[in-house]
């Protein structure tokens, strides 16, 4: 039995399999999942687990070279926007229109669905390398 790090076997495997520039999505309960992109559904009820909680755990275990959010996040969900900016200080953060964001999710290795029920609480994490 695994003692440390991410215990969810599906998430742990996805992170272990990522290569440079591969992308994963951390999503709220409303983000559509494109056909063919695997979904790991963590949602138990609205708000559980929350977006920030899931991002915090993933960020501990993943080399992240870029974060992508919807540009609508800043105006429509200031708390989450501030969290992303603080959490990824020093990491490039790119903002796309929500429509462009949804198109980009088609290239993700996985979408991890949280129970977050706040607008635009989604991000794409692009894998970097540790060397």
N, C-alpha and C. Protein backbone atom coordinates (compact mmCIF):
# COMPACT_ATOMS: atom_id res chain seq x y z
N UNK A 1 0.85 -1.20 0.00
CA UNK A 1 0.00 0.00 0.00
C UNK A 1 0.88 1.24 0.00
N UNK A 2 0.53 2.20 -0.84
CA UNK A 2 1.28 3.45 -0.94
C UNK A 2 1.08 4.26 0.34
N UNK A 3 2.15 4.86 0.83
CA UNK A 3 2.13 5.57 2.10
C UNK A 3 2.11 7.09 1.95
N UNK A 4 2.70 7.60 0.88
CA UNK A 4 2.84 9.05 0.69
C UNK A 4 2.38 9.47 -0.70
N UNK A 5 2.16 10.76 -0.85
CA UNK A 5 1.78 11.30 -2.16
C UNK A 5 0.33 11.00 -2.49
N UNK A 6 0.03 11.00 -3.75
CA UNK A 6 -1.35 10.81 -4.22
C UNK A 6 -1.71 9.34 -4.11
N UNK A 7 -2.77 9.05 -3.37
CA UNK A 7 -3.21 7.68 -3.16
C UNK A 7 -4.14 7.19 -4.27
N UNK A 8 -4.81 8.11 -4.96
CA UNK A 8 -5.70 7.71 -6.05
C UNK A 8 -4.85 7.08 -7.15
N UNK A 9 -5.07 5.80 -7.39
CA UNK A 9 -4.21 5.06 -8.32
C UNK A 9 -4.30 5.59 -9.75
N UNK A 10 -5.46 6.05 -10.15
CA UNK A 10 -5.63 6.56 -11.52
C UNK A 10 -4.83 7.86 -11.71
N UNK A 11 -4.94 8.77 -10.75
CA UNK A 11 -4.20 10.03 -10.85
C UNK A 11 -2.70 9.78 -10.74
N UNK A 12 -2.30 8.92 -9.82
CA UNK A 12 -0.89 8.61 -9.63
C UNK A 12 -0.28 8.06 -10.92
N UNK A 13 -0.99 7.18 -11.60
CA UNK A 13 -0.49 6.60 -12.84
C UNK A 13 -0.40 7.65 -13.94
N UNK A 14 -1.42 8.47 -14.07
CA UNK A 14 -1.39 9.53 -15.09
C UNK A 14 -0.17 10.43 -14.89
N UNK A 15 0.06 10.87 -13.66
CA UNK A 15 1.19 11.76 -13.39
C UNK A 15 2.51 11.07 -13.69
N UNK A 16 2.63 9.78 -13.35
CA UNK A 16 3.85 9.04 -13.61
C UNK A 16 4.10 8.88 -15.11
N UNK A 17 3.04 8.85 -15.90
CA UNK A 17 3.16 8.64 -17.34
C UNK A 17 3.35 9.93 -18.14
N UNK A 18 3.21 11.11 -17.51
CA UNK A 18 3.31 12.37 -18.24
C UNK A 18 4.70 12.60 -18.80
N UNK A 19 4.75 13.14 -20.00
CA UNK A 19 5.99 13.59 -20.60
C UNK A 19 5.97 15.11 -20.73
N UNK A 20 7.09 15.66 -21.15
CA UNK A 20 7.21 17.10 -21.28
C UNK A 20 6.15 17.66 -22.23
N UNK A 21 5.45 18.66 -21.80
CA UNK A 21 4.37 19.40 -22.47
C UNK A 21 3.03 18.67 -22.48
N UNK A 22 2.94 17.45 -21.93
CA UNK A 22 1.63 16.81 -21.78
C UNK A 22 0.78 17.67 -20.85
N UNK A 23 -0.54 17.60 -21.03
CA UNK A 23 -1.45 18.44 -20.26
C UNK A 23 -2.50 17.60 -19.54
N UNK A 24 -2.82 18.06 -18.33
CA UNK A 24 -3.98 17.52 -17.61
C UNK A 24 -4.88 18.69 -17.25
N UNK A 25 -6.15 18.40 -17.03
CA UNK A 25 -7.12 19.44 -16.69
C UNK A 25 -7.68 19.15 -15.31
N UNK A 26 -7.72 20.18 -14.48
CA UNK A 26 -8.44 20.12 -13.21
C UNK A 26 -9.71 20.93 -13.45
N UNK A 27 -10.87 20.29 -13.29
CA UNK A 27 -12.12 20.90 -13.75
C UNK A 27 -13.17 21.01 -12.65
N UNK A 28 -14.03 22.00 -12.82
CA UNK A 28 -15.21 22.11 -11.97
C UNK A 28 -16.26 21.10 -12.45
N UNK A 29 -17.41 21.08 -11.79
CA UNK A 29 -18.42 20.06 -12.12
C UNK A 29 -19.10 20.32 -13.46
N UNK A 30 -18.94 21.51 -14.03
CA UNK A 30 -19.65 21.83 -15.25
C UNK A 30 -18.86 21.74 -16.54
N UNK A 31 -17.54 21.61 -16.46
CA UNK A 31 -16.74 21.60 -17.69
C UNK A 31 -17.04 20.35 -18.51
N UNK A 32 -17.37 20.52 -19.78
CA UNK A 32 -17.63 19.33 -20.62
C UNK A 32 -16.34 18.54 -20.85
N UNK A 33 -16.50 17.23 -20.94
CA UNK A 33 -15.37 16.35 -21.20
C UNK A 33 -15.45 15.90 -22.66
N UNK A 34 -14.46 16.26 -23.46
CA UNK A 34 -14.50 15.88 -24.87
C UNK A 34 -14.47 14.36 -25.06
N UNK A 35 -15.10 13.89 -26.10
CA UNK A 35 -15.08 12.47 -26.43
C UNK A 35 -13.63 12.01 -26.58
N UNK A 36 -13.33 10.88 -25.99
CA UNK A 36 -12.01 10.30 -26.11
C UNK A 36 -11.01 10.72 -25.05
N UNK A 37 -11.34 11.75 -24.25
CA UNK A 37 -10.44 12.17 -23.18
C UNK A 37 -10.90 11.48 -21.89
N UNK A 38 -10.01 10.72 -21.24
CA UNK A 38 -10.41 10.04 -20.01
C UNK A 38 -10.79 11.04 -18.92
N UNK A 39 -11.75 10.66 -18.09
CA UNK A 39 -12.18 11.49 -16.96
C UNK A 39 -11.98 10.70 -15.67
N UNK A 40 -11.36 11.35 -14.70
CA UNK A 40 -11.30 10.82 -13.35
C UNK A 40 -12.23 11.69 -12.53
N UNK A 41 -13.33 11.12 -12.09
CA UNK A 41 -14.38 11.89 -11.41
C UNK A 41 -14.21 11.76 -9.90
N UNK A 42 -13.80 12.86 -9.27
CA UNK A 42 -13.63 12.89 -7.82
C UNK A 42 -14.83 13.52 -7.12
N UNK A 43 -15.77 14.10 -7.88
CA UNK A 43 -16.89 14.84 -7.30
C UNK A 43 -17.76 13.93 -6.43
N UNK A 44 -17.99 14.37 -5.20
CA UNK A 44 -18.86 13.65 -4.27
C UNK A 44 -20.18 14.38 -4.07
N UNK A 45 -20.09 15.70 -3.99
CA UNK A 45 -21.24 16.59 -3.88
C UNK A 45 -20.73 17.98 -4.21
N UNK A 46 -21.63 18.94 -4.46
CA UNK A 46 -21.15 20.28 -4.80
C UNK A 46 -20.14 20.80 -3.77
N UNK A 47 -18.97 21.16 -4.25
CA UNK A 47 -17.92 21.70 -3.40
C UNK A 47 -16.95 20.68 -2.85
N UNK A 48 -17.22 19.40 -3.02
CA UNK A 48 -16.38 18.37 -2.41
C UNK A 48 -15.93 17.37 -3.46
N UNK A 49 -14.63 17.18 -3.65
CA UNK A 49 -13.56 18.04 -3.16
C UNK A 49 -13.53 19.33 -3.97
N UNK A 50 -12.96 20.36 -3.37
CA UNK A 50 -12.86 21.65 -4.02
C UNK A 50 -11.71 21.72 -5.01
N UNK A 51 -11.79 22.67 -5.90
CA UNK A 51 -10.76 22.90 -6.92
C UNK A 51 -9.39 23.12 -6.28
N UNK A 52 -9.33 24.01 -5.28
CA UNK A 52 -8.05 24.34 -4.68
C UNK A 52 -7.42 23.13 -3.99
N UNK A 53 -8.22 22.36 -3.32
CA UNK A 53 -7.71 21.18 -2.63
C UNK A 53 -7.08 20.20 -3.62
N UNK A 54 -7.73 19.98 -4.74
CA UNK A 54 -7.22 19.05 -5.74
C UNK A 54 -5.96 19.62 -6.40
N UNK A 55 -5.98 20.90 -6.76
CA UNK A 55 -4.80 21.52 -7.38
C UNK A 55 -3.61 21.46 -6.42
N UNK A 56 -3.83 21.73 -5.15
CA UNK A 56 -2.73 21.68 -4.17
C UNK A 56 -2.06 20.31 -4.15
N UNK A 57 -2.86 19.27 -4.12
CA UNK A 57 -2.32 17.90 -4.06
C UNK A 57 -1.59 17.55 -5.36
N UNK A 58 -2.18 17.88 -6.50
CA UNK A 58 -1.55 17.58 -7.79
C UNK A 58 -0.23 18.35 -7.91
N UNK A 59 -0.23 19.62 -7.53
CA UNK A 59 0.97 20.46 -7.68
C UNK A 59 2.13 19.97 -6.82
N UNK A 60 1.84 19.28 -5.74
CA UNK A 60 2.92 18.71 -4.91
C UNK A 60 3.66 17.60 -5.63
N UNK A 61 3.00 16.96 -6.59
CA UNK A 61 3.53 15.74 -7.20
C UNK A 61 3.86 15.89 -8.68
N UNK A 62 3.66 17.07 -9.25
CA UNK A 62 3.81 17.26 -10.70
C UNK A 62 4.74 18.42 -10.99
N UNK A 63 5.63 18.24 -11.95
CA UNK A 63 6.44 19.35 -12.44
C UNK A 63 5.56 20.12 -13.43
N UNK A 64 5.28 21.38 -13.11
CA UNK A 64 4.36 22.19 -13.91
C UNK A 64 5.14 23.35 -14.52
N UNK A 65 5.14 23.42 -15.86
CA UNK A 65 5.87 24.50 -16.51
C UNK A 65 4.96 25.63 -16.98
N UNK A 66 3.66 25.35 -17.09
CA UNK A 66 2.71 26.38 -17.52
C UNK A 66 1.32 26.02 -17.04
N UNK A 67 0.55 27.06 -16.73
CA UNK A 67 -0.84 26.91 -16.32
C UNK A 67 -1.70 27.70 -17.31
N UNK A 68 -2.81 27.11 -17.71
CA UNK A 68 -3.72 27.78 -18.64
C UNK A 68 -5.09 27.85 -17.98
N UNK A 69 -5.68 29.03 -18.03
CA UNK A 69 -7.02 29.26 -17.47
C UNK A 69 -7.87 29.99 -18.50
N UNK A 70 -9.15 30.06 -18.24
CA UNK A 70 -10.04 30.88 -19.07
C UNK A 70 -9.89 32.34 -18.65
N UNK A 71 -9.84 33.22 -19.63
CA UNK A 71 -9.69 34.64 -19.30
C UNK A 71 -10.89 35.16 -18.52
N UNK A 72 -12.02 34.49 -18.61
CA UNK A 72 -13.23 34.89 -17.87
C UNK A 72 -13.09 34.65 -16.36
N UNK A 73 -12.12 33.84 -15.97
CA UNK A 73 -11.93 33.53 -14.55
C UNK A 73 -11.72 34.79 -13.73
N UNK A 74 -10.87 35.70 -14.17
CA UNK A 74 -10.53 36.90 -13.39
C UNK A 74 -11.75 37.75 -13.07
N UNK A 75 -12.67 37.89 -14.01
CA UNK A 75 -13.85 38.74 -13.80
C UNK A 75 -14.98 38.02 -13.08
N UNK A 76 -15.06 36.72 -13.23
CA UNK A 76 -16.23 35.98 -12.74
C UNK A 76 -15.99 35.13 -11.50
N UNK A 77 -14.73 34.98 -11.11
CA UNK A 77 -14.41 34.18 -9.93
C UNK A 77 -13.07 34.68 -9.39
N UNK A 78 -13.12 35.86 -8.77
CA UNK A 78 -11.90 36.53 -8.35
C UNK A 78 -11.11 35.74 -7.31
N UNK A 79 -11.79 35.04 -6.42
CA UNK A 79 -11.09 34.27 -5.38
C UNK A 79 -10.25 33.16 -6.00
N UNK A 80 -10.82 32.44 -6.95
CA UNK A 80 -10.08 31.36 -7.60
C UNK A 80 -8.97 31.92 -8.48
N UNK A 81 -9.22 33.03 -9.13
CA UNK A 81 -8.20 33.68 -9.95
C UNK A 81 -7.01 34.08 -9.08
N UNK A 82 -7.28 34.66 -7.92
CA UNK A 82 -6.21 35.06 -7.01
C UNK A 82 -5.45 33.84 -6.51
N UNK A 83 -6.18 32.78 -6.19
CA UNK A 83 -5.55 31.53 -5.74
C UNK A 83 -4.58 31.02 -6.81
N UNK A 84 -5.02 30.95 -8.07
CA UNK A 84 -4.17 30.45 -9.15
C UNK A 84 -2.92 31.32 -9.29
N UNK A 85 -3.11 32.64 -9.27
CA UNK A 85 -1.97 33.55 -9.40
C UNK A 85 -0.99 33.40 -8.25
N UNK A 86 -1.50 33.22 -7.04
CA UNK A 86 -0.62 33.03 -5.88
C UNK A 86 0.05 31.66 -5.90
N UNK A 87 -0.72 30.64 -6.19
CA UNK A 87 -0.21 29.27 -6.17
C UNK A 87 0.89 29.07 -7.20
N UNK A 88 0.74 29.68 -8.37
CA UNK A 88 1.68 29.46 -9.46
C UNK A 88 2.54 30.69 -9.74
N UNK A 89 2.81 31.45 -8.71
CA UNK A 89 3.70 32.61 -8.84
C UNK A 89 5.05 32.11 -9.36
N UNK A 90 5.55 32.73 -10.40
CA UNK A 90 6.81 32.31 -10.98
C UNK A 90 6.65 31.30 -12.11
N UNK A 91 5.43 30.82 -12.31
CA UNK A 91 5.12 29.90 -13.40
C UNK A 91 4.29 30.67 -14.42
N UNK A 92 4.59 30.55 -15.70
CA UNK A 92 3.77 31.26 -16.69
C UNK A 92 2.30 30.83 -16.61
N UNK A 93 1.42 31.82 -16.61
CA UNK A 93 -0.02 31.57 -16.62
C UNK A 93 -0.59 32.22 -17.87
N UNK A 94 -1.22 31.40 -18.69
CA UNK A 94 -1.79 31.87 -19.95
C UNK A 94 -3.31 31.89 -19.82
N UNK A 95 -3.95 32.94 -20.31
CA UNK A 95 -5.40 33.04 -20.29
C UNK A 95 -5.94 33.01 -21.72
N UNK A 96 -6.86 32.08 -21.94
CA UNK A 96 -7.53 31.94 -23.24
C UNK A 96 -9.02 32.18 -23.04
N UNK A 97 -9.73 32.47 -24.11
CA UNK A 97 -11.19 32.55 -23.98
C UNK A 97 -11.68 31.17 -23.52
N UNK A 98 -12.84 31.16 -22.87
CA UNK A 98 -13.36 29.89 -22.38
C UNK A 98 -13.58 28.90 -23.52
N UNK A 99 -14.00 29.40 -24.67
CA UNK A 99 -14.19 28.53 -25.84
C UNK A 99 -12.86 27.93 -26.29
N UNK A 100 -11.80 28.75 -26.33
CA UNK A 100 -10.48 28.23 -26.70
C UNK A 100 -9.98 27.23 -25.65
N UNK A 101 -10.25 27.54 -24.38
CA UNK A 101 -9.87 26.63 -23.28
C UNK A 101 -10.51 25.27 -23.49
N UNK A 102 -11.82 25.27 -23.76
CA UNK A 102 -12.53 24.00 -23.96
C UNK A 102 -11.98 23.25 -25.17
N UNK A 103 -11.61 23.94 -26.23
CA UNK A 103 -11.01 23.28 -27.39
C UNK A 103 -9.68 22.63 -27.02
N UNK A 104 -8.89 23.31 -26.21
CA UNK A 104 -7.59 22.78 -25.81
C UNK A 104 -7.72 21.54 -24.94
N UNK A 105 -8.81 21.42 -24.20
CA UNK A 105 -8.98 20.23 -23.34
C UNK A 105 -9.03 18.95 -24.17
N UNK A 106 -9.30 19.06 -25.46
CA UNK A 106 -9.33 17.87 -26.31
C UNK A 106 -7.95 17.21 -26.40
N UNK A 107 -6.90 17.95 -26.10
CA UNK A 107 -5.53 17.41 -26.17
C UNK A 107 -5.04 16.91 -24.81
N UNK A 108 -5.86 17.00 -23.79
CA UNK A 108 -5.44 16.60 -22.44
C UNK A 108 -5.31 15.09 -22.32
N UNK A 109 -4.39 14.66 -21.47
CA UNK A 109 -4.25 13.24 -21.16
C UNK A 109 -5.39 12.77 -20.27
N UNK A 110 -5.94 13.70 -19.46
CA UNK A 110 -7.04 13.36 -18.55
C UNK A 110 -7.70 14.65 -18.08
N UNK A 111 -8.97 14.53 -17.73
CA UNK A 111 -9.68 15.60 -17.04
C UNK A 111 -10.04 15.05 -15.67
N UNK A 112 -9.59 15.76 -14.64
CA UNK A 112 -9.90 15.38 -13.26
C UNK A 112 -11.02 16.29 -12.80
N UNK A 113 -12.18 15.71 -12.60
CA UNK A 113 -13.39 16.47 -12.24
C UNK A 113 -13.49 16.58 -10.73
N UNK A 114 -13.54 17.81 -10.24
CA UNK A 114 -13.72 18.07 -8.81
C UNK A 114 -15.21 18.32 -8.54
N UNK A 115 -15.52 18.60 -7.31
CA UNK A 115 -16.89 18.97 -6.96
C UNK A 115 -17.11 20.47 -6.97
N UNK A 116 -16.12 21.22 -7.44
CA UNK A 116 -16.21 22.69 -7.41
C UNK A 116 -17.40 23.18 -8.21
N UNK A 117 -18.16 24.11 -7.61
CA UNK A 117 -19.36 24.63 -8.25
C UNK A 117 -19.29 26.16 -8.33
N UNK A 118 -18.14 26.67 -8.75
CA UNK A 118 -17.95 28.10 -8.97
C UNK A 118 -17.53 28.32 -10.42
N UNK A 119 -17.92 29.45 -11.01
CA UNK A 119 -17.65 29.64 -12.44
C UNK A 119 -16.17 29.66 -12.80
N UNK A 120 -15.86 28.98 -13.90
CA UNK A 120 -14.54 28.97 -14.52
C UNK A 120 -13.44 28.43 -13.61
N UNK A 121 -13.77 27.61 -12.63
CA UNK A 121 -12.78 27.02 -11.74
C UNK A 121 -12.16 25.80 -12.41
N UNK A 122 -11.38 26.08 -13.45
CA UNK A 122 -10.72 25.06 -14.25
C UNK A 122 -9.32 25.53 -14.56
N UNK A 123 -8.41 24.59 -14.72
CA UNK A 123 -7.08 24.95 -15.21
C UNK A 123 -6.49 23.77 -15.96
N UNK A 124 -5.64 24.10 -16.89
CA UNK A 124 -4.84 23.11 -17.59
C UNK A 124 -3.43 23.24 -17.05
N UNK A 125 -2.87 22.12 -16.61
CA UNK A 125 -1.50 22.10 -16.11
C UNK A 125 -0.64 21.40 -17.16
N UNK A 126 0.37 22.11 -17.64
CA UNK A 126 1.27 21.55 -18.64
C UNK A 126 2.52 21.04 -17.94
N UNK A 127 2.87 19.79 -18.21
CA UNK A 127 3.99 19.14 -17.55
C UNK A 127 5.33 19.70 -18.04
N UNK A 128 6.20 19.87 -17.08
CA UNK A 128 7.58 20.24 -17.37
C UNK A 128 8.48 19.04 -17.07
N UNK A 129 9.75 19.29 -16.96
CA UNK A 129 10.71 18.26 -16.59
C UNK A 129 11.50 18.75 -15.38
N UNK A 130 11.96 17.83 -14.56
CA UNK A 130 12.67 18.23 -13.34
C UNK A 130 14.18 18.33 -13.56
N UNK A 131 14.68 18.03 -14.75
CA UNK A 131 16.12 18.14 -14.99
C UNK A 131 16.42 19.18 -16.04
